[in-house]
Amino acid sequence: MTTGVVLPVYDNLEVVTRSHPSAFPSVLRQKRQLVSNALGDDAGAAMEQATIKEKCPGCGNEEMNFHTLQLRSADEGSTVFYDCPKCGYKFSQNN
């Protein structure tokens, strides 16, 4: 008496995998972009910004918007990104 086990056949099965571009970092990709946002490409527009009394080097406006990101290793300071709401001048500073 033989006990038969029926195994499913997967001969015609096609497997497709996809990886997020940040899953395999490359030197070229890092050179092409200044900031990699973990929330996605469209989330950068929704990022909250604060206002600080800082004089804009571009137009002399007395206030600038800013936000911070941790771009380097955790034991180093974050990077502060400034932008002027009046003229659009942007710059960054490492802390």
N, C-alpha and C. Protein backbone atom coordinates (compact mmCIF):
# COMPACT_ATOMS: atom_id res chain seq x y z
N MET A 1 0.84 -1.16 0.00
CA MET A 1 0.00 0.00 0.00
C MET A 1 0.90 1.24 0.00
N THR A 2 0.67 2.11 -0.93
CA THR A 2 1.47 3.31 -1.07
C THR A 2 0.61 4.53 -0.72
N THR A 3 1.17 5.36 0.15
CA THR A 3 0.48 6.60 0.49
C THR A 3 1.02 7.69 -0.42
N GLY A 4 0.19 8.26 -1.20
CA GLY A 4 0.63 9.28 -2.14
C GLY A 4 0.40 10.69 -1.58
N VAL A 5 1.39 11.52 -1.74
CA VAL A 5 1.29 12.92 -1.34
C VAL A 5 1.26 13.74 -2.62
N VAL A 6 0.26 14.53 -2.78
CA VAL A 6 0.13 15.35 -3.98
C VAL A 6 0.83 16.69 -3.71
N LEU A 7 1.83 16.96 -4.50
CA LEU A 7 2.56 18.21 -4.38
C LEU A 7 2.10 19.19 -5.45
N PRO A 8 1.96 20.46 -5.09
CA PRO A 8 1.55 21.42 -6.11
C PRO A 8 2.67 21.62 -7.14
N VAL A 9 2.28 21.96 -8.34
CA VAL A 9 3.23 22.17 -9.43
C VAL A 9 3.36 23.68 -9.66
N TYR A 10 4.59 24.15 -9.65
CA TYR A 10 4.86 25.58 -9.83
C TYR A 10 5.70 25.83 -11.08
N ASP A 11 5.58 25.01 -12.08
CA ASP A 11 6.41 25.13 -13.28
C ASP A 11 6.17 26.43 -14.03
N ASN A 12 4.96 26.89 -14.13
CA ASN A 12 4.63 28.08 -14.92
C ASN A 12 4.46 29.33 -14.07
N LEU A 13 4.96 29.31 -12.87
CA LEU A 13 4.82 30.44 -11.95
C LEU A 13 5.92 31.47 -12.21
N GLU A 14 5.55 32.73 -12.36
CA GLU A 14 6.51 33.80 -12.56
C GLU A 14 6.58 34.62 -11.28
N VAL A 15 7.78 34.83 -10.75
CA VAL A 15 7.98 35.58 -9.53
C VAL A 15 8.64 36.91 -9.90
N VAL A 16 8.01 38.01 -9.49
CA VAL A 16 8.53 39.34 -9.75
C VAL A 16 8.78 40.02 -8.41
N THR A 17 9.99 40.54 -8.22
CA THR A 17 10.31 41.26 -6.99
C THR A 17 10.71 42.68 -7.33
N ARG A 18 10.46 43.56 -6.41
CA ARG A 18 10.82 44.97 -6.58
C ARG A 18 11.47 45.46 -5.30
N SER A 19 12.49 46.30 -5.44
CA SER A 19 13.18 46.87 -4.29
C SER A 19 13.08 48.38 -4.35
N HIS A 20 12.98 49.00 -3.20
CA HIS A 20 13.00 50.46 -3.13
C HIS A 20 14.40 50.93 -3.49
N PRO A 21 14.55 52.05 -4.21
CA PRO A 21 15.88 52.52 -4.61
C PRO A 21 16.85 52.70 -3.44
N SER A 22 16.35 53.01 -2.25
CA SER A 22 17.24 53.21 -1.11
C SER A 22 17.67 51.89 -0.48
N ALA A 23 17.13 50.75 -0.94
CA ALA A 23 17.49 49.46 -0.36
C ALA A 23 18.93 49.08 -0.69
N PHE A 24 19.43 49.53 -1.83
CA PHE A 24 20.79 49.23 -2.24
C PHE A 24 21.49 50.55 -2.58
N PRO A 25 22.04 51.21 -1.57
CA PRO A 25 22.66 52.52 -1.81
C PRO A 25 23.90 52.40 -2.70
N SER A 26 24.11 53.43 -3.50
CA SER A 26 25.30 53.47 -4.35
C SER A 26 25.89 54.86 -4.26
N VAL A 27 27.17 54.95 -4.56
CA VAL A 27 27.87 56.23 -4.53
C VAL A 27 27.26 57.18 -5.55
N LEU A 28 26.94 56.68 -6.75
CA LEU A 28 26.35 57.52 -7.80
C LEU A 28 25.00 58.07 -7.36
N ARG A 29 24.15 57.23 -6.76
CA ARG A 29 22.84 57.70 -6.32
C ARG A 29 22.97 58.76 -5.22
N GLN A 30 23.94 58.59 -4.33
CA GLN A 30 24.14 59.57 -3.26
C GLN A 30 24.60 60.91 -3.82
N LYS A 31 25.38 60.90 -4.90
CA LYS A 31 25.82 62.14 -5.52
C LYS A 31 24.68 62.86 -6.22
N ARG A 32 23.69 62.12 -6.71
CA ARG A 32 22.59 62.71 -7.47
C ARG A 32 21.57 63.40 -6.58
N GLN A 33 21.50 63.06 -5.32
CA GLN A 33 20.49 63.67 -4.46
C GLN A 33 21.12 64.18 -3.19
N LEU A 34 20.67 65.32 -2.74
CA LEU A 34 21.20 65.93 -1.53
C LEU A 34 20.57 65.30 -0.29
N VAL A 35 19.27 65.07 -0.33
CA VAL A 35 18.55 64.55 0.82
C VAL A 35 17.72 63.35 0.41
N SER A 36 17.82 62.30 1.16
CA SER A 36 16.98 61.13 0.94
C SER A 36 15.91 61.12 2.02
N ASN A 37 14.67 61.23 1.61
CA ASN A 37 13.59 61.30 2.56
C ASN A 37 13.00 59.92 2.78
N ALA A 38 13.02 59.44 4.00
CA ALA A 38 12.52 58.10 4.29
C ALA A 38 11.01 58.01 4.12
N LEU A 39 10.32 59.12 4.08
CA LEU A 39 8.88 59.13 3.94
C LEU A 39 8.41 59.07 2.50
N GLY A 40 9.31 59.20 1.56
CA GLY A 40 8.93 59.17 0.14
C GLY A 40 9.20 60.51 -0.51
N ASP A 41 9.12 60.53 -1.83
CA ASP A 41 9.44 61.74 -2.59
C ASP A 41 8.45 62.87 -2.36
N ASP A 42 7.16 62.57 -2.27
CA ASP A 42 6.17 63.62 -2.13
C ASP A 42 5.99 64.08 -0.69
N ALA A 43 6.59 63.42 0.27
CA ALA A 43 6.44 63.80 1.68
C ALA A 43 7.28 65.03 2.03
N GLY A 44 8.28 65.35 1.22
CA GLY A 44 9.12 66.51 1.50
C GLY A 44 8.34 67.81 1.51
N ALA A 45 7.31 67.89 0.67
CA ALA A 45 6.49 69.09 0.62
C ALA A 45 5.66 69.25 1.88
N ALA A 46 5.33 68.14 2.52
CA ALA A 46 4.50 68.18 3.72
C ALA A 46 5.32 68.31 4.99
N MET A 47 6.65 68.36 4.88
CA MET A 47 7.51 68.43 6.04
C MET A 47 7.28 69.74 6.79
N GLU A 48 7.12 69.63 8.10
CA GLU A 48 6.87 70.83 8.90
C GLU A 48 8.15 71.65 9.01
N GLN A 49 7.99 72.96 8.94
CA GLN A 49 9.11 73.87 9.08
C GLN A 49 8.80 74.85 10.20
N ALA A 50 9.84 75.30 10.85
CA ALA A 50 9.71 76.31 11.89
C ALA A 50 10.29 77.61 11.37
N THR A 51 9.96 78.70 12.02
CA THR A 51 10.47 80.01 11.63
C THR A 51 11.46 80.49 12.68
N ILE A 52 12.55 81.08 12.22
CA ILE A 52 13.58 81.58 13.12
C ILE A 52 13.95 83.00 12.70
N LYS A 53 14.35 83.81 13.67
CA LYS A 53 14.82 85.17 13.37
C LYS A 53 16.27 85.06 12.92
N GLU A 54 16.45 84.86 11.64
CA GLU A 54 17.76 84.73 11.01
C GLU A 54 17.72 85.55 9.73
N LYS A 55 18.72 86.40 9.53
CA LYS A 55 18.74 87.27 8.35
C LYS A 55 19.11 86.47 7.11
N CYS A 56 18.30 86.63 6.07
CA CYS A 56 18.52 85.93 4.80
C CYS A 56 19.73 86.54 4.08
N PRO A 57 20.72 85.75 3.70
CA PRO A 57 21.86 86.27 2.95
C PRO A 57 21.48 86.74 1.55
N GLY A 58 20.36 86.27 1.03
CA GLY A 58 19.94 86.63 -0.32
C GLY A 58 19.27 87.98 -0.42
N CYS A 59 18.25 88.21 0.44
CA CYS A 59 17.47 89.45 0.32
C CYS A 59 17.46 90.30 1.59
N GLY A 60 17.99 89.78 2.69
CA GLY A 60 18.03 90.56 3.93
C GLY A 60 16.77 90.42 4.77
N ASN A 61 15.84 89.54 4.37
CA ASN A 61 14.62 89.31 5.15
C ASN A 61 15.03 88.86 6.56
N GLU A 62 14.31 89.31 7.57
CA GLU A 62 14.67 89.04 8.96
C GLU A 62 14.28 87.66 9.47
N GLU A 63 13.43 86.92 8.75
CA GLU A 63 13.00 85.59 9.20
C GLU A 63 13.23 84.56 8.11
N MET A 64 13.58 83.35 8.55
CA MET A 64 13.77 82.24 7.63
C MET A 64 13.08 81.01 8.19
N ASN A 65 12.64 80.12 7.31
CA ASN A 65 12.09 78.83 7.71
C ASN A 65 13.26 77.86 7.81
N PHE A 66 13.11 76.85 8.68
CA PHE A 66 14.16 75.84 8.78
C PHE A 66 13.58 74.49 9.19
N HIS A 67 14.31 73.43 8.85
CA HIS A 67 14.01 72.09 9.35
C HIS A 67 15.34 71.34 9.45
N THR A 68 15.37 70.29 10.25
CA THR A 68 16.60 69.55 10.46
C THR A 68 16.43 68.10 10.01
N LEU A 69 17.53 67.51 9.57
CA LEU A 69 17.58 66.09 9.19
C LEU A 69 18.88 65.50 9.69
N GLN A 70 18.83 64.23 10.06
CA GLN A 70 20.02 63.50 10.47
C GLN A 70 20.61 62.82 9.24
N LEU A 71 21.58 63.44 8.61
CA LEU A 71 22.16 62.91 7.38
C LEU A 71 23.42 62.09 7.63
N ARG A 72 24.09 62.37 8.73
CA ARG A 72 25.34 61.67 9.04
C ARG A 72 25.09 60.65 10.13
N SER A 73 26.12 60.06 10.64
CA SER A 73 25.95 59.02 11.66
C SER A 73 25.32 59.61 12.93
N ALA A 74 24.77 58.74 13.76
CA ALA A 74 24.01 59.18 14.93
C ALA A 74 24.85 59.91 15.96
N ASP A 75 26.16 59.68 15.98
CA ASP A 75 26.99 60.36 16.97
C ASP A 75 27.46 61.74 16.49
N GLU A 76 27.02 62.17 15.33
CA GLU A 76 27.33 63.51 14.82
C GLU A 76 26.06 64.34 14.78
N GLY A 77 26.23 65.64 14.70
CA GLY A 77 25.08 66.54 14.71
C GLY A 77 24.23 66.44 13.46
N SER A 78 23.04 67.01 13.54
CA SER A 78 22.12 67.00 12.40
C SER A 78 22.45 68.16 11.46
N THR A 79 21.85 68.16 10.29
CA THR A 79 22.01 69.22 9.32
C THR A 79 20.76 70.09 9.34
N VAL A 80 20.95 71.41 9.39
CA VAL A 80 19.84 72.35 9.41
C VAL A 80 19.70 72.94 8.01
N PHE A 81 18.50 72.88 7.46
CA PHE A 81 18.21 73.43 6.14
C PHE A 81 17.37 74.69 6.32
N TYR A 82 17.85 75.80 5.77
CA TYR A 82 17.17 77.08 5.85
C TYR A 82 16.61 77.43 4.48
N ASP A 83 15.45 78.09 4.46
CA ASP A 83 14.96 78.67 3.21
C ASP A 83 14.17 79.93 3.54
N CYS A 84 14.34 80.92 2.67
CA CYS A 84 13.70 82.22 2.86
C CYS A 84 12.30 82.19 2.23
N PRO A 85 11.27 82.53 3.00
CA PRO A 85 9.92 82.54 2.43
C PRO A 85 9.70 83.71 1.46
N LYS A 86 10.56 84.71 1.53
CA LYS A 86 10.39 85.90 0.69
C LYS A 86 11.04 85.73 -0.70
N CYS A 87 12.31 85.31 -0.73
CA CYS A 87 13.01 85.22 -2.01
C CYS A 87 13.32 83.78 -2.43
N GLY A 88 13.15 82.79 -1.53
CA GLY A 88 13.40 81.40 -1.87
C GLY A 88 14.85 80.98 -1.74
N TYR A 89 15.72 81.83 -1.21
CA TYR A 89 17.13 81.48 -1.02
C TYR A 89 17.24 80.31 -0.04
N LYS A 90 18.10 79.33 -0.36
CA LYS A 90 18.24 78.14 0.48
C LYS A 90 19.71 77.89 0.79
N PHE A 91 19.97 77.42 2.00
CA PHE A 91 21.31 76.96 2.35
C PHE A 91 21.19 75.98 3.51
N SER A 92 22.28 75.24 3.77
CA SER A 92 22.28 74.28 4.87
C SER A 92 23.52 74.48 5.72
N GLN A 93 23.43 73.99 6.95
CA GLN A 93 24.54 74.13 7.90
C GLN A 93 24.62 72.87 8.74
N ASN A 94 25.82 72.31 8.86
CA ASN A 94 26.02 71.14 9.71
C ASN A 94 26.20 71.58 11.15
N ASN A 95 25.53 70.92 12.07
CA ASN A 95 25.68 71.23 13.51
C ASN A 95 26.69 70.32 14.14
